[in-house]
């Protein structure tokens, strides 16, 4: 029998640990994206008659509204543009034969909007809440150079942090009383990786992630399903991406994937290619340290330069 030196034994042990880690991650991905969605399908309509979606007239929010309507839920659309609200409501009623309710609200405004929303939904059985509304930078920028600095940051904090907190506070008591419900909070992959030139946006989305984690811990045993979705790039008005690709799907493709993971995982990118991309960024960062940060920073600076050229031409 071959005899191994202490160094060889250490090497074999290290290799076995790496292979075991890879195997565990592969099995985790297979369960999350293949097995889990089949075993843990959520009947959203059984959680409550209505589903409420904030930021629901464009992109990811609109697609969540459509997906939930396709599953038989009546839809409450909350957004700031009355014209878009009416158009989206008509489209959903026509395509899915469900009822809709529209509430105009600008989440960068003050506390009064939550009193208004509370009055509008007081008698409704809301089984699903999608906290999707959010605002980002106009373009990647250094913290002190963000245009209209004070107002932009106040709007971002109110829209990205306050809204998810207050809307959950409005809807959760009814779910708790019925001991069933689904809360989906839309964060961002930027909160999971180095995000220079998106510092405040990424920080607000880190709040969404941590807030969701705590709510899930406190109320999952009460029958409430809570999930934080942290996407990478998606074709939408917010991202400015117009052409879909493997790593930047359409909002429709993204939501179809993300909504299938409700009930399987409480913290997810929602889309397998996004998970692969974010893991790759974090692996590079872990292995190379400052080089990984430099790489991301250079990419963001290039995006910043292109955006500034575009704005100057306008």
C-alpha atoms as a PDB file:
ATOM      1  CA  UNK A   1       0.000   0.000   0.000  1.00  0.00           C
ATOM      2  CA  UNK A   2       1.327   3.413  -0.983  1.00  0.00           C
ATOM      3  CA  UNK A   3       2.515   5.604   1.828  1.00  0.00           C
ATOM      4  CA  UNK A   4       1.768   9.338   1.683  1.00  0.00           C
ATOM      5  CA  UNK A   5       3.804  12.032   3.302  1.00  0.00           C
ATOM      6  CA  UNK A   6       2.162  14.546   5.606  1.00  0.00           C
ATOM      7  CA  UNK A   7       2.266  17.155   2.823  1.00  0.00           C
ATOM      8  CA  UNK A   8       0.652  14.760   0.347  1.00  0.00           C
ATOM      9  CA  UNK A   9      -2.076  13.908   2.856  1.00  0.00           C
ATOM     10  CA  UNK A  10      -2.719  17.612   3.339  1.00  0.00           C
ATOM     11  CA  UNK A  11      -2.974  18.091  -0.418  1.00  0.00           C
ATOM     12  CA  UNK A  12      -5.388  15.177  -0.809  1.00  0.00           C
ATOM     13  CA  UNK A  13      -7.528  16.492   2.041  1.00  0.00           C
ATOM     14  CA  UNK A  14      -7.580  19.966   0.495  1.00  0.00           C
ATOM     15  CA  UNK A  15      -8.537  18.558  -2.946  1.00  0.00           C
ATOM     16  CA  UNK A  16     -11.276  16.424  -1.399  1.00  0.00           C
ATOM     17  CA  UNK A  17     -12.656  19.489   0.402  1.00  0.00           C
ATOM     18  CA  UNK A  18     -12.733  21.450  -2.862  1.00  0.00           C
ATOM     19  CA  UNK A  19     -14.494  18.618  -4.709  1.00  0.00           C
ATOM     20  CA  UNK A  20     -16.987  18.235  -1.853  1.00  0.00           C
ATOM     21  CA  UNK A  21     -17.723  21.979  -1.894  1.00  0.00           C
ATOM     22  CA  UNK A  22     -18.250  21.900  -5.671  1.00  0.00           C
ATOM     23  CA  UNK A  23     -20.582  18.907  -5.344  1.00  0.00           C
ATOM     24  CA  UNK A  24     -22.633  20.602  -2.605  1.00  0.00           C
ATOM     25  CA  UNK A  25     -22.987  23.770  -4.704  1.00  0.00           C
ATOM     26  CA  UNK A  26     -24.023  21.799  -7.793  1.00  0.00           C
ATOM     27  CA  UNK A  27     -26.646  19.901  -5.790  1.00  0.00           C
ATOM     28  CA  UNK A  28     -27.850  23.177  -4.292  1.00  0.00           C
ATOM     29  CA  UNK A  29     -28.267  24.717  -7.751  1.00  0.00           C
ATOM     30  CA  UNK A  30     -30.096  21.630  -9.038  1.00  0.00           C
ATOM     31  CA  UNK A  31     -32.478  21.674  -6.082  1.00  0.00           C
ATOM     32  CA  UNK A  32     -33.087  25.434  -6.259  1.00  0.00           C
ATOM     33  CA  UNK A  33     -33.693  25.725  -9.986  1.00  0.00           C
ATOM     34  CA  UNK A  34     -34.964  22.261 -10.987  1.00  0.00           C
ATOM     35  CA  UNK A  35     -36.284  20.126  -8.129  1.00  0.00           C
ATOM     36  CA  UNK A  36     -37.587  22.806  -5.756  1.00  0.00           C
ATOM     37  CA  UNK A  37     -39.876  24.659  -8.196  1.00  0.00           C
ATOM     38  CA  UNK A  38     -41.575  21.345  -9.032  1.00  0.00           C
ATOM     39  CA  UNK A  39     -41.997  20.230  -5.424  1.00  0.00           C
ATOM     40  CA  UNK A  40     -42.852  23.566  -3.813  1.00  0.00           C
ATOM     41  CA  UNK A  41     -45.286  25.250  -6.185  1.00  0.00           C
ATOM     42  CA  UNK A  42     -47.176  28.021  -4.444  1.00  0.00           C
ATOM     43  CA  UNK A  43     -50.886  28.524  -5.056  1.00  0.00           C
ATOM     44  CA  UNK A  44     -50.886  32.308  -4.831  1.00  0.00           C
ATOM     45  CA  UNK A  45     -54.653  32.621  -5.169  1.00  0.00           C
ATOM     46  CA  UNK A  46     -55.157  30.421  -2.095  1.00  0.00           C
ATOM     47  CA  UNK A  47     -53.100  32.907  -0.042  1.00  0.00           C
ATOM     48  CA  UNK A  48     -55.625  35.679  -0.615  1.00  0.00           C
ATOM     49  CA  UNK A  49     -57.875  37.149  -3.297  1.00  0.00           C
ATOM     50  CA  UNK A  50     -55.665  40.155  -4.110  1.00  0.00           C
ATOM     51  CA  UNK A  51     -51.996  40.660  -4.960  1.00  0.00           C
ATOM     52  CA  UNK A  52     -50.486  44.127  -4.501  1.00  0.00           C
ATOM     53  CA  UNK A  53     -47.452  45.193  -6.540  1.00  0.00           C
ATOM     54  CA  UNK A  54     -45.591  48.480  -6.136  1.00  0.00           C
ATOM     55  CA  UNK A  55     -43.774  49.995  -9.109  1.00  0.00           C
ATOM     56  CA  UNK A  56     -46.124  47.922 -11.224  1.00  0.00           C
ATOM     57  CA  UNK A  57     -46.392  49.707 -14.574  1.00  0.00           C
ATOM     58  CA  UNK A  58     -42.986  48.885 -16.068  1.00  0.00           C
ATOM     59  CA  UNK A  59     -40.356  46.171 -16.154  1.00  0.00           C
ATOM     60  CA  UNK A  60     -40.133  43.626 -13.355  1.00  0.00           C
ATOM     61  CA  UNK A  61     -43.105  45.019 -11.405  1.00  0.00           C
ATOM     62  CA  UNK A  62     -45.434  44.849 -14.386  1.00  0.00           C
ATOM     63  CA  UNK A  63     -44.374  41.288 -15.144  1.00  0.00           C
ATOM     64  CA  UNK A  64     -45.002  40.231 -11.534  1.00  0.00           C
ATOM     65  CA  UNK A  65     -48.489  41.718 -11.880  1.00  0.00           C
ATOM     66  CA  UNK A  66     -49.085  39.716 -15.057  1.00  0.00           C
ATOM     67  CA  UNK A  67     -47.715  36.477 -13.616  1.00  0.00           C
ATOM     68  CA  UNK A  68     -49.884  36.774 -10.515  1.00  0.00           C
ATOM     69  CA  UNK A  69     -52.917  37.623 -12.638  1.00  0.00           C
ATOM     70  CA  UNK A  70     -52.214  34.519 -14.730  1.00  0.00           C
ATOM     71  CA  UNK A  71     -52.383  32.540 -11.486  1.00  0.00           C
ATOM     72  CA  UNK A  72     -55.866  33.878 -10.759  1.00  0.00           C
ATOM     73  CA  UNK A  73     -55.139  36.749  -8.376  1.00  0.00           C
ATOM     74  CA  UNK A  74     -56.944  40.068  -8.625  1.00  0.00           C
ATOM     75  CA  UNK A  75     -54.337  42.791  -8.914  1.00  0.00           C
ATOM     76  CA  UNK A  76     -53.712  46.045  -7.037  1.00  0.00           C
ATOM     77  CA  UNK A  77     -51.355  48.253  -9.030  1.00  0.00           C
ATOM     78  CA  UNK A  78     -49.484  50.961  -7.136  1.00  0.00           C
ATOM     79  CA  UNK A  79     -47.361  53.419  -9.078  1.00  0.00           C
ATOM     80  CA  UNK A  80     -46.897  57.145  -9.655  1.00  0.00           C
ATOM     81  CA  UNK A  81     -48.210  57.576 -13.239  1.00  0.00           C
ATOM     82  CA  UNK A  82     -52.004  57.522 -13.498  1.00  0.00           C
ATOM     83  CA  UNK A  83     -51.878  57.085 -17.280  1.00  0.00           C
ATOM     84  CA  UNK A  84     -49.625  54.040 -16.997  1.00  0.00           C
ATOM     85  CA  UNK A  85     -51.733  52.638 -14.171  1.00  0.00           C
ATOM     86  CA  UNK A  86     -54.891  52.836 -16.272  1.00  0.00           C
ATOM     87  CA  UNK A  87     -53.196  51.330 -19.324  1.00  0.00           C
ATOM     88  CA  UNK A  88     -51.666  48.468 -17.341  1.00  0.00           C
ATOM     89  CA  UNK A  89     -54.937  47.746 -15.530  1.00  0.00           C
ATOM     90  CA  UNK A  90     -56.851  47.582 -18.826  1.00  0.00           C
ATOM     91  CA  UNK A  91     -54.227  45.283 -20.305  1.00  0.00           C
ATOM     92  CA  UNK A  92     -54.311  42.892 -17.339  1.00  0.00           C
ATOM     93  CA  UNK A  93     -58.124  42.798 -17.167  1.00  0.00           C
ATOM     94  CA  UNK A  94     -58.329  42.068 -20.884  1.00  0.00           C
ATOM     95  CA  UNK A  95     -55.618  39.407 -21.001  1.00  0.00           C
ATOM     96  CA  UNK A  96     -56.285  37.567 -17.727  1.00  0.00           C
ATOM     97  CA  UNK A  97     -59.955  38.243 -16.924  1.00  0.00           C
ATOM     98  CA  UNK A  98     -59.274  39.364 -13.360  1.00  0.00           C
ATOM     99  CA  UNK A  99     -60.256  42.472 -11.434  1.00  0.00           C
ATOM    100  CA  UNK A 100     -57.800  45.304 -10.876  1.00  0.00           C
ATOM    101  CA  UNK A 101     -57.516  48.282  -8.559  1.00  0.00           C
ATOM    102  CA  UNK A 102     -55.170  51.201  -9.127  1.00  0.00           C
ATOM    103  CA  UNK A 103     -53.568  53.448  -6.511  1.00  0.00           C
ATOM    104  CA  UNK A 104     -51.490  56.434  -7.543  1.00  0.00           C
ATOM    105  CA  UNK A 105     -48.560  56.981  -5.209  1.00  0.00           C
ATOM    106  CA  UNK A 106     -45.115  58.519  -5.475  1.00  0.00           C
ATOM    107  CA  UNK A 107     -42.950  56.723  -2.897  1.00  0.00           C
ATOM    108  CA  UNK A 108     -40.464  59.582  -2.750  1.00  0.00           C
ATOM    109  CA  UNK A 109     -43.191  61.715  -1.156  1.00  0.00           C
ATOM    110  CA  UNK A 110     -43.860  61.922   2.569  1.00  0.00           C
ATOM    111  CA  UNK A 111     -45.798  59.831   5.068  1.00  0.00           C
ATOM    112  CA  UNK A 112     -49.216  60.799   3.711  1.00  0.00           C
ATOM    113  CA  UNK A 113     -49.022  58.252   0.888  1.00  0.00           C
ATOM    114  CA  UNK A 114     -49.098  55.330   3.329  1.00  0.00           C
ATOM    115  CA  UNK A 115     -52.222  56.690   5.023  1.00  0.00           C
ATOM    116  CA  UNK A 116     -53.794  56.935   1.564  1.00  0.00           C
ATOM    117  CA  UNK A 117     -52.772  53.413   0.547  1.00  0.00           C
ATOM    118  CA  UNK A 118     -53.970  52.084   3.907  1.00  0.00           C
ATOM    119  CA  UNK A 119     -57.430  53.577   3.351  1.00  0.00           C
ATOM    120  CA  UNK A 120     -57.608  52.206  -0.205  1.00  0.00           C
ATOM    121  CA  UNK A 121     -56.817  48.614   0.800  1.00  0.00           C
ATOM    122  CA  UNK A 122     -58.494  48.511   4.226  1.00  0.00           C
ATOM    123  CA  UNK A 123     -61.198  46.001   3.289  1.00  0.00           C
ATOM    124  CA  UNK A 124     -59.222  43.897   0.795  1.00  0.00           C
ATOM    125  CA  UNK A 125     -57.851  40.399   1.396  1.00  0.00           C
ATOM    126  CA  UNK A 126     -54.274  40.764   0.165  1.00  0.00           C
ATOM    127  CA  UNK A 127     -52.496  37.435  -0.040  1.00  0.00           C
ATOM    128  CA  UNK A 128     -49.390  38.517  -1.959  1.00  0.00           C
ATOM    129  CA  UNK A 129     -47.289  41.657  -1.645  1.00  0.00           C
ATOM    130  CA  UNK A 130     -44.523  42.451  -4.130  1.00  0.00           C
ATOM    131  CA  UNK A 131     -42.361  45.327  -2.915  1.00  0.00           C
ATOM    132  CA  UNK A 132     -40.791  46.149  -6.262  1.00  0.00           C
ATOM    133  CA  UNK A 133     -40.673  49.946  -6.430  1.00  0.00           C
ATOM    134  CA  UNK A 134     -37.147  51.336  -6.473  1.00  0.00           C
ATOM    135  CA  UNK A 135     -34.906  54.024  -7.925  1.00  0.00           C
ATOM    136  CA  UNK A 136     -31.253  53.919  -8.856  1.00  0.00           C
ATOM    137  CA  UNK A 137     -28.640  56.369 -10.085  1.00  0.00           C
ATOM    138  CA  UNK A 138     -29.198  58.056 -13.441  1.00  0.00           C
ATOM    139  CA  UNK A 139     -25.737  56.712 -14.283  1.00  0.00           C
ATOM    140  CA  UNK A 140     -22.828  55.305 -12.212  1.00  0.00           C
ATOM    141  CA  UNK A 141     -21.221  58.113 -10.232  1.00  0.00           C
ATOM    142  CA  UNK A 142     -18.912  58.849  -7.333  1.00  0.00           C
ATOM    143  CA  UNK A 143     -20.755  59.495  -4.069  1.00  0.00           C
ATOM    144  CA  UNK A 144     -19.991  63.225  -3.785  1.00  0.00           C
ATOM    145  CA  UNK A 145     -20.635  63.856  -7.499  1.00  0.00           C
ATOM    146  CA  UNK A 146     -24.174  62.456  -7.672  1.00  0.00           C
ATOM    147  CA  UNK A 147     -26.347  65.050  -9.475  1.00  0.00           C
ATOM    148  CA  UNK A 148     -28.834  66.947  -7.270  1.00  0.00           C
ATOM    149  CA  UNK A 149     -27.123  65.224  -4.344  1.00  0.00           C
ATOM    150  CA  UNK A 150     -29.430  65.801  -1.382  1.00  0.00           C
ATOM    151  CA  UNK A 151     -32.726  65.293  -3.214  1.00  0.00           C
ATOM    152  CA  UNK A 152     -31.494  62.239  -5.102  1.00  0.00           C
ATOM    153  CA  UNK A 153     -30.320  60.500  -1.936  1.00  0.00           C
ATOM    154  CA  UNK A 154     -33.496  61.366  -0.008  1.00  0.00           C
ATOM    155  CA  UNK A 155     -35.638  59.996  -2.842  1.00  0.00           C
ATOM    156  CA  UNK A 156     -33.557  56.824  -3.000  1.00  0.00           C
ATOM    157  CA  UNK A 157     -33.805  56.172   0.735  1.00  0.00           C
ATOM    158  CA  UNK A 158     -37.551  56.851   0.832  1.00  0.00           C
ATOM    159  CA  UNK A 159     -38.300  54.754  -2.249  1.00  0.00           C
ATOM    160  CA  UNK A 160     -35.948  51.835  -1.658  1.00  0.00           C
ATOM    161  CA  UNK A 161     -35.913  51.509   2.154  1.00  0.00           C
ATOM    162  CA  UNK A 162     -38.940  53.251   3.638  1.00  0.00           C
ATOM    163  CA  UNK A 163     -41.396  51.830   1.090  1.00  0.00           C
ATOM    164  CA  UNK A 164     -40.536  48.178   1.695  1.00  0.00           C
ATOM    165  CA  UNK A 165     -40.763  48.729   5.456  1.00  0.00           C
ATOM    166  CA  UNK A 166     -44.030  50.660   5.485  1.00  0.00           C
ATOM    167  CA  UNK A 167     -45.803  48.519   2.864  1.00  0.00           C
ATOM    168  CA  UNK A 168     -44.884  45.368   4.778  1.00  0.00           C
ATOM    169  CA  UNK A 169     -46.237  47.025   7.918  1.00  0.00           C
ATOM    170  CA  UNK A 170     -49.522  47.736   6.145  1.00  0.00           C
ATOM    171  CA  UNK A 171     -50.074  44.286   4.622  1.00  0.00           C
ATOM    172  CA  UNK A 172     -48.501  41.843   7.104  1.00  0.00           C
ATOM    173  CA  UNK A 173     -51.124  42.177   9.886  1.00  0.00           C
ATOM    174  CA  UNK A 174     -53.881  40.834   7.597  1.00  0.00           C
ATOM    175  CA  UNK A 175     -51.677  37.937   6.482  1.00  0.00           C
ATOM    176  CA  UNK A 176     -50.806  37.174  10.083  1.00  0.00           C
ATOM    177  CA  UNK A 177     -54.482  37.123  11.046  1.00  0.00           C
ATOM    178  CA  UNK A 178     -55.206  34.582   8.280  1.00  0.00           C
ATOM    179  CA  UNK A 179     -51.895  32.765   8.916  1.00  0.00           C
ATOM    180  CA  UNK A 180     -50.987  32.750   5.231  1.00  0.00           C
ATOM    181  CA  UNK A 181     -49.469  35.082   2.683  1.00  0.00           C
ATOM    182  CA  UNK A 182     -46.497  35.788   0.431  1.00  0.00           C
ATOM    183  CA  UNK A 183     -44.154  38.769   0.596  1.00  0.00           C
ATOM    184  CA  UNK A 184     -41.632  39.250  -2.220  1.00  0.00           C
ATOM    185  CA  UNK A 185     -39.101  42.048  -1.808  1.00  0.00           C
ATOM    186  CA  UNK A 186     -37.095  43.010  -4.872  1.00  0.00           C
ATOM    187  CA  UNK A 187     -33.533  43.926  -3.974  1.00  0.00           C
ATOM    188  CA  UNK A 188     -30.504  43.969  -6.259  1.00  0.00           C
ATOM    189  CA  UNK A 189     -27.477  41.860  -7.041  1.00  0.00           C
ATOM    190  CA  UNK A 190     -25.425  45.018  -6.513  1.00  0.00           C
ATOM    191  CA  UNK A 191     -25.820  44.508  -2.762  1.00  0.00           C
ATOM    192  CA  UNK A 192     -24.034  41.144  -3.013  1.00  0.00           C
ATOM    193  CA  UNK A 193     -20.896  42.217  -4.890  1.00  0.00           C
ATOM    194  CA  UNK A 194     -18.443  45.143  -4.875  1.00  0.00           C
ATOM    195  CA  UNK A 195     -20.474  48.103  -6.218  1.00  0.00           C
ATOM    196  CA  UNK A 196     -18.359  51.263  -6.519  1.00  0.00           C
ATOM    197  CA  UNK A 197     -20.157  54.185  -8.188  1.00  0.00           C
ATOM    198  CA  UNK A 198     -23.484  52.680  -7.088  1.00  0.00           C
ATOM    199  CA  UNK A 199     -22.713  52.974  -3.397  1.00  0.00           C
ATOM    200  CA  UNK A 200     -25.971  54.372  -2.041  1.00  0.00           C
ATOM    201  CA  UNK A 201     -28.194  52.296  -4.318  1.00  0.00           C
ATOM    202  CA  UNK A 202     -26.366  49.087  -3.356  1.00  0.00           C
ATOM    203  CA  UNK A 203     -26.562  50.053   0.324  1.00  0.00           C
ATOM    204  CA  UNK A 204     -30.325  50.610   0.157  1.00  0.00           C
ATOM    205  CA  UNK A 205     -30.744  47.215  -1.469  1.00  0.00           C
ATOM    206  CA  UNK A 206     -28.581  45.643   1.238  1.00  0.00           C
ATOM    207  CA  UNK A 207     -31.173  47.017   3.656  1.00  0.00           C
ATOM    208  CA  UNK A 208     -33.916  45.242   1.659  1.00  0.00           C
ATOM    209  CA  UNK A 209     -31.940  41.991   1.881  1.00  0.00           C
ATOM    210  CA  UNK A 210     -31.392  42.233   5.648  1.00  0.00           C
ATOM    211  CA  UNK A 211     -34.940  43.418   6.324  1.00  0.00           C
ATOM    212  CA  UNK A 212     -36.344  40.474   4.373  1.00  0.00           C
ATOM    213  CA  UNK A 213     -34.108  38.035   6.225  1.00  0.00           C
ATOM    214  CA  UNK A 214     -35.402  39.253   9.576  1.00  0.00           C
ATOM    215  CA  UNK A 215     -39.073  39.257   8.555  1.00  0.00           C
ATOM    216  CA  UNK A 216     -38.688  35.730   7.186  1.00  0.00           C
ATOM    217  CA  UNK A 217     -37.136  34.548  10.459  1.00  0.00           C
ATOM    218  CA  UNK A 218     -39.880  36.159  12.537  1.00  0.00           C
ATOM    219  CA  UNK A 219     -42.950  35.125  10.527  1.00  0.00           C
ATOM    220  CA  UNK A 220     -42.227  31.996   8.457  1.00  0.00           C
ATOM    221  CA  UNK A 221     -43.517  29.854  11.326  1.00  0.00           C
ATOM    222  CA  UNK A 222     -46.790  31.821  11.123  1.00  0.00           C
ATOM    223  CA  UNK A 223     -47.478  30.624   7.576  1.00  0.00           C
ATOM    224  CA  UNK A 224     -45.989  33.645   5.778  1.00  0.00           C
ATOM    225  CA  UNK A 225     -43.633  32.965   2.849  1.00  0.00           C
ATOM    226  CA  UNK A 226     -41.040  35.738   2.589  1.00  0.00           C
ATOM    227  CA  UNK A 227     -38.495  36.067  -0.203  1.00  0.00           C
ATOM    228  CA  UNK A 228     -35.824  38.557  -1.268  1.00  0.00           C
ATOM    229  CA  UNK A 229     -35.035  38.580  -4.993  1.00  0.00           C
ATOM    230  CA  UNK A 230     -31.702  40.154  -5.963  1.00  0.00           C
ATOM    231  CA  UNK A 231     -31.413  40.273  -9.747  1.00  0.00           C
ATOM    232  CA  UNK A 232     -28.460  41.178 -11.902  1.00  0.00           C
ATOM    233  CA  UNK A 233     -28.991  43.029 -15.166  1.00  0.00           C
ATOM    234  CA  UNK A 234     -32.524  42.854 -16.614  1.00  0.00           C
ATOM    235  CA  UNK A 235     -33.868  44.639 -19.690  1.00  0.00           C
ATOM    236  CA  UNK A 236     -35.842  47.507 -18.168  1.00  0.00           C
ATOM    237  CA  UNK A 237     -36.155  51.276 -18.003  1.00  0.00           C
ATOM    238  CA  UNK A 238     -34.117  51.329 -14.787  1.00  0.00           C
ATOM    239  CA  UNK A 239     -31.157  49.407 -16.205  1.00  0.00           C
ATOM    240  CA  UNK A 240     -31.312  51.109 -19.604  1.00  0.00           C
ATOM    241  CA  UNK A 241     -30.613  47.749 -21.279  1.00  0.00           C
ATOM    242  CA  UNK A 242     -32.714  47.350 -24.410  1.00  0.00           C
ATOM    243  CA  UNK A 243     -31.448  44.076 -25.907  1.00  0.00           C
ATOM    244  CA  UNK A 244     -31.768  40.831 -23.970  1.00  0.00           C
ATOM    245  CA  UNK A 245     -28.963  38.307 -23.602  1.00  0.00           C
ATOM    246  CA  UNK A 246     -28.068  35.238 -21.545  1.00  0.00           C
ATOM    247  CA  UNK A 247     -27.018  37.369 -18.576  1.00  0.00           C
ATOM    248  CA  UNK A 248     -29.564  40.174 -19.153  1.00  0.00           C
ATOM    249  CA  UNK A 249     -32.973  38.579 -19.768  1.00  0.00           C
ATOM    250  CA  UNK A 250     -36.222  40.331 -20.522  1.00  0.00           C
ATOM    251  CA  UNK A 251     -38.280  41.261 -17.476  1.00  0.00           C
ATOM    252  CA  UNK A 252     -40.805  38.622 -18.507  1.00  0.00           C
ATOM    253  CA  UNK A 253     -38.211  35.829 -18.620  1.00  0.00           C
ATOM    254  CA  UNK A 254     -36.692  36.958 -15.342  1.00  0.00           C
ATOM    255  CA  UNK A 255     -39.988  37.068 -13.427  1.00  0.00           C
ATOM    256  CA  UNK A 256     -41.115  33.722 -14.823  1.00  0.00           C
ATOM    257  CA  UNK A 257     -37.951  32.232 -13.328  1.00  0.00           C
ATOM    258  CA  UNK A 258     -38.026  34.185 -10.054  1.00  0.00           C
ATOM    259  CA  UNK A 259     -41.670  33.530  -9.211  1.00  0.00           C
ATOM    260  CA  UNK A 260     -41.133  29.792  -9.636  1.00  0.00           C
ATOM    261  CA  UNK A 261     -38.620  29.919  -6.762  1.00  0.00           C
ATOM    262  CA  UNK A 262     -41.127  31.257  -4.215  1.00  0.00           C
ATOM    263  CA  UNK A 263     -41.499  28.578  -1.551  1.00  0.00           C
ATOM    264  CA  UNK A 264     -38.135  27.020  -2.414  1.00  0.00           C
ATOM    265  CA  UNK A 265     -35.668  29.686  -1.316  1.00  0.00           C
ATOM    266  CA  UNK A 266     -36.006  32.852   0.740  1.00  0.00           C
ATOM    267  CA  UNK A 267     -32.932  34.565  -0.741  1.00  0.00           C
ATOM    268  CA  UNK A 268     -32.188  34.326  -4.446  1.00  0.00           C
ATOM    269  CA  UNK A 269     -31.015  36.120  -7.560  1.00  0.00           C
ATOM    270  CA  UNK A 270     -34.150  34.701  -9.149  1.00  0.00           C
ATOM    271  CA  UNK A 271     -32.368  33.618 -12.320  1.00  0.00           C
ATOM    272  CA  UNK A 272     -29.630  30.985 -12.676  1.00  0.00           C
ATOM    273  CA  UNK A 273     -27.306  32.974 -15.012  1.00  0.00           C
ATOM    274  CA  UNK A 274     -27.392  35.865 -12.510  1.00  0.00           C
ATOM    275  CA  UNK A 275     -26.347  33.496  -9.729  1.00  0.00           C
ATOM    276  CA  UNK A 276     -23.449  32.253 -11.859  1.00  0.00           C
ATOM    277  CA  UNK A 277     -22.366  35.800 -12.732  1.00  0.00           C
ATOM    278  CA  UNK A 278     -22.499  37.118  -9.162  1.00  0.00           C
ATOM    279  CA  UNK A 279     -20.681  34.054  -7.829  1.00  0.00           C
ATOM    280  CA  UNK A 280     -17.962  34.581 -10.444  1.00  0.00           C
ATOM    281  CA  UNK A 281     -17.531  38.233  -9.398  1.00  0.00           C
ATOM    282  CA  UNK A 282     -17.320  37.302  -5.725  1.00  0.00           C
ATOM    283  CA  UNK A 283     -14.866  34.465  -6.439  1.00  0.00           C
ATOM    284  CA  UNK A 284     -12.585  36.839  -8.363  1.00  0.00           C
ATOM    285  CA  UNK A 285     -12.845  39.329  -5.513  1.00  0.00           C
ATOM    286  CA  UNK A 286     -12.070  36.674  -2.885  1.00  0.00           C
ATOM    287  CA  UNK A 287      -9.071  35.337  -4.794  1.00  0.00           C
ATOM    288  CA  UNK A 288      -7.576  38.608  -6.013  1.00  0.00           C
ATOM    289  CA  UNK A 289      -8.653  41.179  -3.423  1.00  0.00           C
ATOM    290  CA  UNK A 290      -8.035  44.702  -4.670  1.00  0.00           C
ATOM    291  CA  UNK A 291      -7.660  43.536  -8.273  1.00  0.00           C
ATOM    292  CA  UNK A 292     -11.288  42.425  -8.280  1.00  0.00           C
ATOM    293  CA  UNK A 293     -12.357  45.816  -6.939  1.00  0.00           C
ATOM    294  CA  UNK A 294     -10.196  47.551  -9.565  1.00  0.00           C
ATOM    295  CA  UNK A 295     -11.799  45.446 -12.295  1.00  0.00           C
ATOM    296  CA  UNK A 296     -15.343  46.336 -11.230  1.00  0.00           C
ATOM    297  CA  UNK A 297     -14.410  50.001 -10.729  1.00  0.00           C
ATOM    298  CA  UNK A 298     -12.928  50.250 -14.225  1.00  0.00           C
ATOM    299  CA  UNK A 299     -16.097  48.740 -15.697  1.00  0.00           C
ATOM    300  CA  UNK A 300     -18.288  51.223 -13.801  1.00  0.00           C
ATOM    301  CA  UNK A 301     -16.057  54.143 -14.802  1.00  0.00           C
ATOM    302  CA  UNK A 302     -16.422  53.122 -18.452  1.00  0.00           C
ATOM    303  CA  UNK A 303     -20.199  53.087 -18.055  1.00  0.00           C
ATOM    304  CA  UNK A 304     -19.999  56.490 -16.390  1.00  0.00           C
ATOM    305  CA  UNK A 305     -17.952  57.964 -19.256  1.00  0.00           C
ATOM    306  CA  UNK A 306     -20.392  56.665 -21.876  1.00  0.00           C
ATOM    307  CA  UNK A 307     -23.351  58.056 -19.941  1.00  0.00           C
ATOM    308  CA  UNK A 308     -21.754  61.475 -19.509  1.00  0.00           C
ATOM    309  CA  UNK A 309     -20.976  61.679 -23.238  1.00  0.00           C
ATOM    310  CA  UNK A 310     -24.584  60.863 -23.987  1.00  0.00           C
ATOM    311  CA  UNK A 311     -25.906  63.522 -21.589  1.00  0.00           C
ATOM    312  CA  UNK A 312     -23.530  66.134 -22.977  1.00  0.00           C
ATOM    313  CA  UNK A 313     -24.807  65.473 -26.502  1.00  0.00           C
ATOM    314  CA  UNK A 314     -28.362  65.939 -25.282  1.00  0.00           C
END
